[in-house]
Amino acid sequence: MDSFTPIIQRDPVLCMNAGNEIIQMLIRMNDPIVFQAILSILYVQSLLMGKYPVNNEEMNLFNESLYQLIVMGMSDLLENITK
């Protein structure tokens, strides 16, 4: 009968190493949009590296976050070129 015990599915939890250089920079981040984008990318990347399944919602989160960072970076680059 133990084989019929329901398995409780838990959402993955992202744990970060506070001593990591990237995490240190993230902690000091003042821009909430960039912070959220980087955190989302780290979350999905962690799922992928841990060989967890990634659903469409998570992949869309990853793609949208990466898109935001690319657009922001290109905007900054173009701003500096035109100065």
PDB file of N, CA and C in Angstrom:
ATOM      1  N   MET A   1       0.803  -1.209   0.000  1.00  0.00           N
ATOM      2  CA  MET A   1       0.000   0.000   0.000  1.00  0.00           C
ATOM      3  C   MET A   1       0.847   1.275   0.000  1.00  0.00           C
ATOM      4  N   ASP A   2       2.085   1.187   0.469  1.00  0.00           N
ATOM      5  CA  ASP A   2       2.945   2.358   0.489  1.00  0.00           C
ATOM      6  C   ASP A   2       3.216   2.890  -0.902  1.00  0.00           C
ATOM      7  N   SER A   3       3.144   2.039  -1.909  1.00  0.00           N
ATOM      8  CA  SER A   3       3.435   2.486  -3.269  1.00  0.00           C
ATOM      9  C   SER A   3       2.347   3.402  -3.812  1.00  0.00           C
ATOM     10  N   PHE A   4       1.219   3.472  -3.134  1.00  0.00           N
ATOM     11  CA  PHE A   4       0.129   4.333  -3.584  1.00  0.00           C
ATOM     12  C   PHE A   4       0.069   5.653  -2.813  1.00  0.00           C
ATOM     13  N   THR A   5       1.073   5.908  -2.016  1.00  0.00           N
ATOM     14  CA  THR A   5       1.129   7.164  -1.271  1.00  0.00           C
ATOM     15  C   THR A   5       1.355   8.302  -2.264  1.00  0.00           C
ATOM     16  N   PRO A   6       0.500   9.329  -2.214  1.00  0.00           N
ATOM     17  CA  PRO A   6       0.673  10.431  -3.175  1.00  0.00           C
ATOM     18  C   PRO A   6       2.007  11.154  -2.968  1.00  0.00           C
ATOM     19  N   ILE A   7       2.625  11.525  -4.059  1.00  0.00           N
ATOM     20  CA  ILE A   7       3.873  12.279  -4.008  1.00  0.00           C
ATOM     21  C   ILE A   7       3.530  13.756  -4.044  1.00  0.00           C
ATOM     22  N   ILE A   8       4.068  14.492  -3.092  1.00  0.00           N
ATOM     23  CA  ILE A   8       3.818  15.926  -3.036  1.00  0.00           C
ATOM     24  C   ILE A   8       4.840  16.615  -3.941  1.00  0.00           C
ATOM     25  N   GLN A   9       4.351  17.329  -4.938  1.00  0.00           N
ATOM     26  CA  GLN A   9       5.211  18.050  -5.875  1.00  0.00           C
ATOM     27  C   GLN A   9       5.523  19.424  -5.301  1.00  0.00           C
ATOM     28  N   ARG A  10       6.790  19.733  -5.170  1.00  0.00           N
ATOM     29  CA  ARG A  10       7.197  21.036  -4.653  1.00  0.00           C
ATOM     30  C   ARG A  10       7.853  21.841  -5.765  1.00  0.00           C
ATOM     31  N   ASP A  11       7.632  23.152  -5.718  1.00  0.00           N
ATOM     32  CA  ASP A  11       8.289  24.030  -6.675  1.00  0.00           C
ATOM     33  C   ASP A  11       9.772  24.100  -6.350  1.00  0.00           C
ATOM     34  N   PRO A  12      10.607  24.235  -7.382  1.00  0.00           N
ATOM     35  CA  PRO A  12      12.040  24.387  -7.131  1.00  0.00           C
ATOM     36  C   PRO A  12      12.312  25.684  -6.370  1.00  0.00           C
ATOM     37  N   VAL A  13      13.354  25.664  -5.569  1.00  0.00           N
ATOM     38  CA  VAL A  13      13.770  26.830  -4.795  1.00  0.00           C
ATOM     39  C   VAL A  13      15.175  27.212  -5.252  1.00  0.00           C
ATOM     40  N   LEU A  14      15.363  28.483  -5.540  1.00  0.00           N
ATOM     41  CA  LEU A  14      16.670  28.969  -5.967  1.00  0.00           C
ATOM     42  C   LEU A  14      17.450  29.417  -4.734  1.00  0.00           C
ATOM     43  N   CYS A  15      18.585  28.778  -4.504  1.00  0.00           N
ATOM     44  CA  CYS A  15      19.486  29.155  -3.417  1.00  0.00           C
ATOM     45  C   CYS A  15      20.728  29.774  -4.038  1.00  0.00           C
ATOM     46  N   MET A  16      21.204  30.843  -3.440  1.00  0.00           N
ATOM     47  CA  MET A  16      22.368  31.536  -3.997  1.00  0.00           C
ATOM     48  C   MET A  16      23.508  31.564  -2.992  1.00  0.00           C
ATOM     49  N   ASN A  17      24.715  31.550  -3.525  1.00  0.00           N
ATOM     50  CA  ASN A  17      25.928  31.645  -2.731  1.00  0.00           C
ATOM     51  C   ASN A  17      26.239  33.129  -2.536  1.00  0.00           C
ATOM     52  N   ALA A  18      26.062  33.615  -1.313  1.00  0.00           N
ATOM     53  CA  ALA A  18      26.253  35.041  -1.035  1.00  0.00           C
ATOM     54  C   ALA A  18      27.692  35.492  -1.272  1.00  0.00           C
ATOM     55  N   GLY A  19      28.641  34.566  -1.323  1.00  0.00           N
ATOM     56  CA  GLY A  19      30.024  34.917  -1.576  1.00  0.00           C
ATOM     57  C   GLY A  19      30.372  35.027  -3.049  1.00  0.00           C
ATOM     58  N   ASN A  20      29.442  34.644  -3.927  1.00  0.00           N
ATOM     59  CA  ASN A  20      29.676  34.678  -5.363  1.00  0.00           C
ATOM     60  C   ASN A  20      29.701  36.122  -5.866  1.00  0.00           C
ATOM     61  N   GLU A  21      30.652  36.435  -6.747  1.00  0.00           N
ATOM     62  CA  GLU A  21      30.817  37.810  -7.258  1.00  0.00           C
ATOM     63  C   GLU A  21      29.557  38.311  -7.969  1.00  0.00           C
ATOM     64  N   ILE A  22      28.947  37.465  -8.771  1.00  0.00           N
ATOM     65  CA  ILE A  22      27.728  37.870  -9.499  1.00  0.00           C
ATOM     66  C   ILE A  22      26.596  38.153  -8.516  1.00  0.00           C
ATOM     67  N   ILE A  23      26.463  37.313  -7.508  1.00  0.00           N
ATOM     68  CA  ILE A  23      25.404  37.510  -6.512  1.00  0.00           C
ATOM     69  C   ILE A  23      25.671  38.777  -5.702  1.00  0.00           C
ATOM     70  N   GLN A  24      26.927  39.050  -5.398  1.00  0.00           N
ATOM     71  CA  GLN A  24      27.276  40.285  -4.684  1.00  0.00           C
ATOM     72  C   GLN A  24      26.859  41.511  -5.507  1.00  0.00           C
ATOM     73  N   MET A  25      27.132  41.482  -6.818  1.00  0.00           N
ATOM     74  CA  MET A  25      26.723  42.605  -7.683  1.00  0.00           C
ATOM     75  C   MET A  25      25.206  42.692  -7.766  1.00  0.00           C
ATOM     76  N   LEU A  26      24.537  41.545  -7.796  1.00  0.00           N
ATOM     77  CA  LEU A  26      23.072  41.522  -7.861  1.00  0.00           C
ATOM     78  C   LEU A  26      22.468  42.128  -6.597  1.00  0.00           C
ATOM     79  N   ILE A  27      23.056  41.818  -5.454  1.00  0.00           N
ATOM     80  CA  ILE A  27      22.567  42.358  -4.176  1.00  0.00           C
ATOM     81  C   ILE A  27      22.646  43.883  -4.154  1.00  0.00           C
ATOM     82  N   ARG A  28      23.682  44.443  -4.780  1.00  0.00           N
ATOM     83  CA  ARG A  28      23.866  45.901  -4.805  1.00  0.00           C
ATOM     84  C   ARG A  28      23.120  46.583  -5.954  1.00  0.00           C
ATOM     85  N   MET A  29      22.412  45.820  -6.755  1.00  0.00           N
ATOM     86  CA  MET A  29      21.708  46.345  -7.927  1.00  0.00           C
ATOM     87  C   MET A  29      20.627  47.338  -7.501  1.00  0.00           C
ATOM     88  N   ASN A  30      20.601  48.498  -8.136  1.00  0.00           N
ATOM     89  CA  ASN A  30      19.610  49.533  -7.817  1.00  0.00           C
ATOM     90  C   ASN A  30      18.439  49.559  -8.790  1.00  0.00           C
ATOM     91  N   ASP A  31      18.589  48.925  -9.938  1.00  0.00           N
ATOM     92  CA  ASP A  31      17.548  48.944 -10.963  1.00  0.00           C
ATOM     93  C   ASP A  31      16.660  47.708 -10.810  1.00  0.00           C
ATOM     94  N   PRO A  32      15.397  47.884 -10.384  1.00  0.00           N
ATOM     95  CA  PRO A  32      14.536  46.719 -10.148  1.00  0.00           C
ATOM     96  C   PRO A  32      14.230  45.917 -11.416  1.00  0.00           C
ATOM     97  N   ILE A  33      14.209  46.554 -12.572  1.00  0.00           N
ATOM     98  CA  ILE A  33      13.928  45.835 -13.821  1.00  0.00           C
ATOM     99  C   ILE A  33      15.101  44.933 -14.177  1.00  0.00           C
ATOM    100  N   VAL A  34      16.304  45.464 -14.081  1.00  0.00           N
ATOM    101  CA  VAL A  34      17.506  44.661 -14.364  1.00  0.00           C
ATOM    102  C   VAL A  34      17.642  43.555 -13.321  1.00  0.00           C
ATOM    103  N   PHE A  35      17.392  43.886 -12.051  1.00  0.00           N
ATOM    104  CA  PHE A  35      17.462  42.891 -10.976  1.00  0.00           C
ATOM    105  C   PHE A  35      16.547  41.713 -11.272  1.00  0.00           C
ATOM    106  N   GLN A  36      15.288  42.002 -11.604  1.00  0.00           N
ATOM    107  CA  GLN A  36      14.309  40.945 -11.875  1.00  0.00           C
ATOM    108  C   GLN A  36      14.705  40.123 -13.097  1.00  0.00           C
ATOM    109  N   ALA A  37      15.200  40.780 -14.134  1.00  0.00           N
ATOM    110  CA  ALA A  37      15.607  40.076 -15.352  1.00  0.00           C
ATOM    111  C   ALA A  37      16.767  39.118 -15.060  1.00  0.00           C
ATOM    112  N   ILE A  38      17.761  39.600 -14.330  1.00  0.00           N
ATOM    113  CA  ILE A  38      18.915  38.757 -14.014  1.00  0.00           C
ATOM    114  C   ILE A  38      18.509  37.613 -13.098  1.00  0.00           C
ATOM    115  N   LEU A  39      17.684  37.892 -12.110  1.00  0.00           N
ATOM    116  CA  LEU A  39      17.221  36.850 -11.201  1.00  0.00           C
ATOM    117  C   LEU A  39      16.436  35.775 -11.957  1.00  0.00           C
ATOM    118  N   SER A  40      15.593  36.187 -12.895  1.00  0.00           N
ATOM    119  CA  SER A  40      14.817  35.233 -13.696  1.00  0.00           C
ATOM    120  C   SER A  40      15.729  34.362 -14.547  1.00  0.00           C
ATOM    121  N   ILE A  41      16.741  34.970 -15.149  1.00  0.00           N
ATOM    122  CA  ILE A  41      17.689  34.210 -15.975  1.00  0.00           C
ATOM    123  C   ILE A  41      18.453  33.215 -15.104  1.00  0.00           C
ATOM    124  N   LEU A  42      18.912  33.649 -13.939  1.00  0.00           N
ATOM    125  CA  LEU A  42      19.630  32.742 -13.036  1.00  0.00           C
ATOM    126  C   LEU A  42      18.742  31.580 -12.599  1.00  0.00           C
ATOM    127  N   TYR A  43      17.470  31.853 -12.338  1.00  0.00           N
ATOM    128  CA  TYR A  43      16.528  30.814 -11.928  1.00  0.00           C
ATOM    129  C   TYR A  43      16.375  29.748 -13.012  1.00  0.00           C
ATOM    130  N   VAL A  44      16.079  30.172 -14.225  1.00  0.00           N
ATOM    131  CA  VAL A  44      15.861  29.206 -15.310  1.00  0.00           C
ATOM    132  C   VAL A  44      17.168  28.500 -15.654  1.00  0.00           C
ATOM    133  N   GLN A  45      18.281  29.222 -15.653  1.00  0.00           N
ATOM    134  CA  GLN A  45      19.576  28.603 -15.930  1.00  0.00           C
ATOM    135  C   GLN A  45      19.891  27.535 -14.880  1.00  0.00           C
ATOM    136  N   SER A  46      19.533  27.798 -13.634  1.00  0.00           N
ATOM    137  CA  SER A  46      19.752  26.818 -12.568  1.00  0.00           C
ATOM    138  C   SER A  46      18.910  25.565 -12.794  1.00  0.00           C
ATOM    139  N   LEU A  47      17.670  25.760 -13.233  1.00  0.00           N
ATOM    140  CA  LEU A  47      16.830  24.602 -13.552  1.00  0.00           C
ATOM    141  C   LEU A  47      17.471  23.765 -14.663  1.00  0.00           C
ATOM    142  N   LEU A  48      17.934  24.450 -15.712  1.00  0.00           N
ATOM    143  CA  LEU A  48      18.550  23.748 -16.834  1.00  0.00           C
ATOM    144  C   LEU A  48      19.815  23.001 -16.397  1.00  0.00           C
ATOM    145  N   MET A  49      20.656  23.671 -15.616  1.00  0.00           N
ATOM    146  CA  MET A  49      21.897  23.045 -15.161  1.00  0.00           C
ATOM    147  C   MET A  49      21.627  21.854 -14.236  1.00  0.00           C
ATOM    148  N   GLY A  50      20.540  21.920 -13.476  1.00  0.00           N
ATOM    149  CA  GLY A  50      20.168  20.829 -12.584  1.00  0.00           C
ATOM    150  C   GLY A  50      19.389  19.731 -13.276  1.00  0.00           C
ATOM    151  N   LYS A  51      19.216  19.865 -14.582  1.00  0.00           N
ATOM    152  CA  LYS A  51      18.485  18.895 -15.411  1.00  0.00           C
ATOM    153  C   LYS A  51      17.026  18.720 -14.973  1.00  0.00           C
ATOM    154  N   TYR A  52      16.454  19.841 -14.456  1.00  0.00           N
ATOM    155  CA  TYR A  52      15.039  19.844 -14.133  1.00  0.00           C
ATOM    156  C   TYR A  52      14.265  20.176 -15.397  1.00  0.00           C
ATOM    157  N   PRO A  53      13.041  19.694 -15.508  1.00  0.00           N
ATOM    158  CA  PRO A  53      12.242  20.061 -16.681  1.00  0.00           C
ATOM    159  C   PRO A  53      11.894  21.549 -16.638  1.00  0.00           C
ATOM    160  N   VAL A  54      11.932  22.180 -17.785  1.00  0.00           N
ATOM    161  CA  VAL A  54      11.586  23.602 -17.900  1.00  0.00           C
ATOM    162  C   VAL A  54      10.328  23.692 -18.754  1.00  0.00           C
ATOM    163  N   ASN A  55       9.286  24.308 -18.201  1.00  0.00           N
ATOM    164  CA  ASN A  55       8.027  24.404 -18.938  1.00  0.00           C
ATOM    165  C   ASN A  55       8.001  25.671 -19.800  1.00  0.00           C
ATOM    166  N   ASN A  56       6.947  25.828 -20.558  1.00  0.00           N
ATOM    167  CA  ASN A  56       6.821  26.983 -21.462  1.00  0.00           C
ATOM    168  C   ASN A  56       6.845  28.306 -20.712  1.00  0.00           C
ATOM    169  N   GLU A  57       6.210  28.366 -19.557  1.00  0.00           N
ATOM    170  CA  GLU A  57       6.169  29.603 -18.774  1.00  0.00           C
ATOM    171  C   GLU A  57       7.586  30.006 -18.344  1.00  0.00           C
ATOM    172  N   GLU A  58       8.365  29.040 -17.906  1.00  0.00           N
ATOM    173  CA  GLU A  58       9.740  29.331 -17.486  1.00  0.00           C
ATOM    174  C   GLU A  58      10.621  29.709 -18.678  1.00  0.00           C
ATOM    175  N   MET A  59      10.434  29.036 -19.794  1.00  0.00           N
ATOM    176  CA  MET A  59      11.211  29.368 -20.987  1.00  0.00           C
ATOM    177  C   MET A  59      10.852  30.761 -21.494  1.00  0.00           C
ATOM    178  N   ASN A  60       9.568  31.116 -21.440  1.00  0.00           N
ATOM    179  CA  ASN A  60       9.144  32.462 -21.832  1.00  0.00           C
ATOM    180  C   ASN A  60       9.725  33.509 -20.889  1.00  0.00           C
ATOM    181  N   LEU A  61       9.771  33.213 -19.589  1.00  0.00           N
ATOM    182  CA  LEU A  61      10.376  34.104 -18.607  1.00  0.00           C
ATOM    183  C   LEU A  61      11.847  34.317 -18.940  1.00  0.00           C
ATOM    184  N   PHE A  62      12.548  33.244 -19.247  1.00  0.00           N
ATOM    185  CA  PHE A  62      13.962  33.313 -19.611  1.00  0.00           C
ATOM    186  C   PHE A  62      14.161  34.166 -20.857  1.00  0.00           C
ATOM    187  N   ASN A  63      13.385  33.882 -21.896  1.00  0.00           N
ATOM    188  CA  ASN A  63      13.520  34.608 -23.160  1.00  0.00           C
ATOM    189  C   ASN A  63      13.190  36.088 -23.010  1.00  0.00           C
ATOM    190  N   GLU A  64      12.131  36.398 -22.293  1.00  0.00           N
ATOM    191  CA  GLU A  64      11.733  37.802 -22.099  1.00  0.00           C
ATOM    192  C   GLU A  64      12.786  38.558 -21.287  1.00  0.00           C
ATOM    193  N   SER A  65      13.319  37.920 -20.265  1.00  0.00           N
ATOM    194  CA  SER A  65      14.352  38.548 -19.435  1.00  0.00           C
ATOM    195  C   SER A  65      15.624  38.798 -20.234  1.00  0.00           C
ATOM    196  N   LEU A  66      16.021  37.822 -21.019  1.00  0.00           N
ATOM    197  CA  LEU A  66      17.205  37.977 -21.859  1.00  0.00           C
ATOM    198  C   LEU A  66      16.986  39.076 -22.887  1.00  0.00           C
ATOM    199  N   TYR A  67      15.792  39.125 -23.468  1.00  0.00           N
ATOM    200  CA  TYR A  67      15.435  40.166 -24.434  1.00  0.00           C
ATOM    201  C   TYR A  67      15.556  41.552 -23.793  1.00  0.00           C
ATOM    202  N   GLN A  68      15.032  41.696 -22.560  1.00  0.00           N
ATOM    203  CA  GLN A  68      15.103  42.985 -21.861  1.00  0.00           C
ATOM    204  C   GLN A  68      16.547  43.435 -21.668  1.00  0.00           C
ATOM    205  N   LEU A  69      17.401  42.509 -21.242  1.00  0.00           N
ATOM    206  CA  LEU A  69      18.804  42.863 -21.013  1.00  0.00           C
ATOM    207  C   LEU A  69      19.510  43.233 -22.314  1.00  0.00           C
ATOM    208  N   ILE A  70      19.213  42.508 -23.385  1.00  0.00           N
ATOM    209  CA  ILE A  70      19.827  42.813 -24.687  1.00  0.00           C
ATOM    210  C   ILE A  70      19.400  44.192 -25.166  1.00  0.00           C
ATOM    211  N   VAL A  71      18.106  44.488 -25.086  1.00  0.00           N
ATOM    212  CA  VAL A  71      17.600  45.791 -25.525  1.00  0.00           C
ATOM    213  C   VAL A  71      18.204  46.912 -24.688  1.00  0.00           C
ATOM    214  N   MET A  72      18.286  46.715 -23.368  1.00  0.00           N
ATOM    215  CA  MET A  72      18.882  47.737 -22.496  1.00  0.00           C
ATOM    216  C   MET A  72      20.351  47.941 -22.840  1.00  0.00           C
ATOM    217  N   GLY A  73      21.067  46.860 -23.079  1.00  0.00           N
ATOM    218  CA  GLY A  73      22.480  46.959 -23.435  1.00  0.00           C
ATOM    219  C   GLY A  73      22.681  47.660 -24.761  1.00  0.00           C
ATOM    220  N   MET A  74      21.823  47.351 -25.738  1.00  0.00           N
ATOM    221  CA  MET A  74      21.933  47.999 -27.044  1.00  0.00           C
ATOM    222  C   MET A  74      21.600  49.484 -26.933  1.00  0.00           C
ATOM    223  N   SER A  75      20.621  49.824 -26.125  1.00  0.00           N
ATOM    224  CA  SER A  75      20.253  51.226 -25.933  1.00  0.00           C
ATOM    225  C   SER A  75      21.411  51.997 -25.325  1.00  0.00           C
ATOM    226  N   ASP A  76      22.045  51.399 -24.311  1.00  0.00           N
ATOM    227  CA  ASP A  76      23.205  52.052 -23.678  1.00  0.00           C
ATOM    228  C   ASP A  76      24.339  52.214 -24.671  1.00  0.00           C
ATOM    229  N   LEU A  77      24.582  51.200 -25.467  1.00  0.00           N
ATOM    230  CA  LEU A  77      25.661  51.245 -26.462  1.00  0.00           C
ATOM    231  C   LEU A  77      25.386  52.340 -27.491  1.00  0.00           C
ATOM    232  N   LEU A  78      24.149  52.392 -28.004  1.00  0.00           N
ATOM    233  CA  LEU A  78      23.809  53.404 -28.995  1.00  0.00           C
ATOM    234  C   LEU A  78      23.893  54.812 -28.414  1.00  0.00           C
ATOM    235  N   GLU A  79      23.521  54.944 -27.150  1.00  0.00           N
ATOM    236  CA  GLU A  79      23.615  56.245 -26.471  1.00  0.00           C
ATOM    237  C   GLU A  79      25.065  56.720 -26.420  1.00  0.00           C
ATOM    238  N   ASN A  80      25.968  55.817 -26.101  1.00  0.00           N
ATOM    239  CA  ASN A  80      27.385  56.159 -26.006  1.00  0.00           C
ATOM    240  C   ASN A  80      28.007  56.448 -27.368  1.00  0.00           C
ATOM    241  N   ILE A  81      27.530  55.770 -28.403  1.00  0.00           N
ATOM    242  CA  ILE A  81      28.060  55.989 -29.750  1.00  0.00           C
ATOM    243  C   ILE A  81      27.664  57.353 -30.284  1.00  0.00           C
ATOM    244  N   THR A  82      26.443  57.773 -29.984  1.00  0.00           N
ATOM    245  CA  THR A  82      25.941  59.042 -30.519  1.00  0.00           C
ATOM    246  C   THR A  82      26.422  60.252 -29.729  1.00  0.00           C
ATOM    247  N   LYS A  83      27.086  60.037 -28.622  1.00  0.00           N
ATOM    248  CA  LYS A  83      27.590  61.166 -27.820  1.00  0.00           C
ATOM    249  C   LYS A  83      28.846  61.742 -28.403  1.00  0.00           C
TER     250      LYS A  83
END
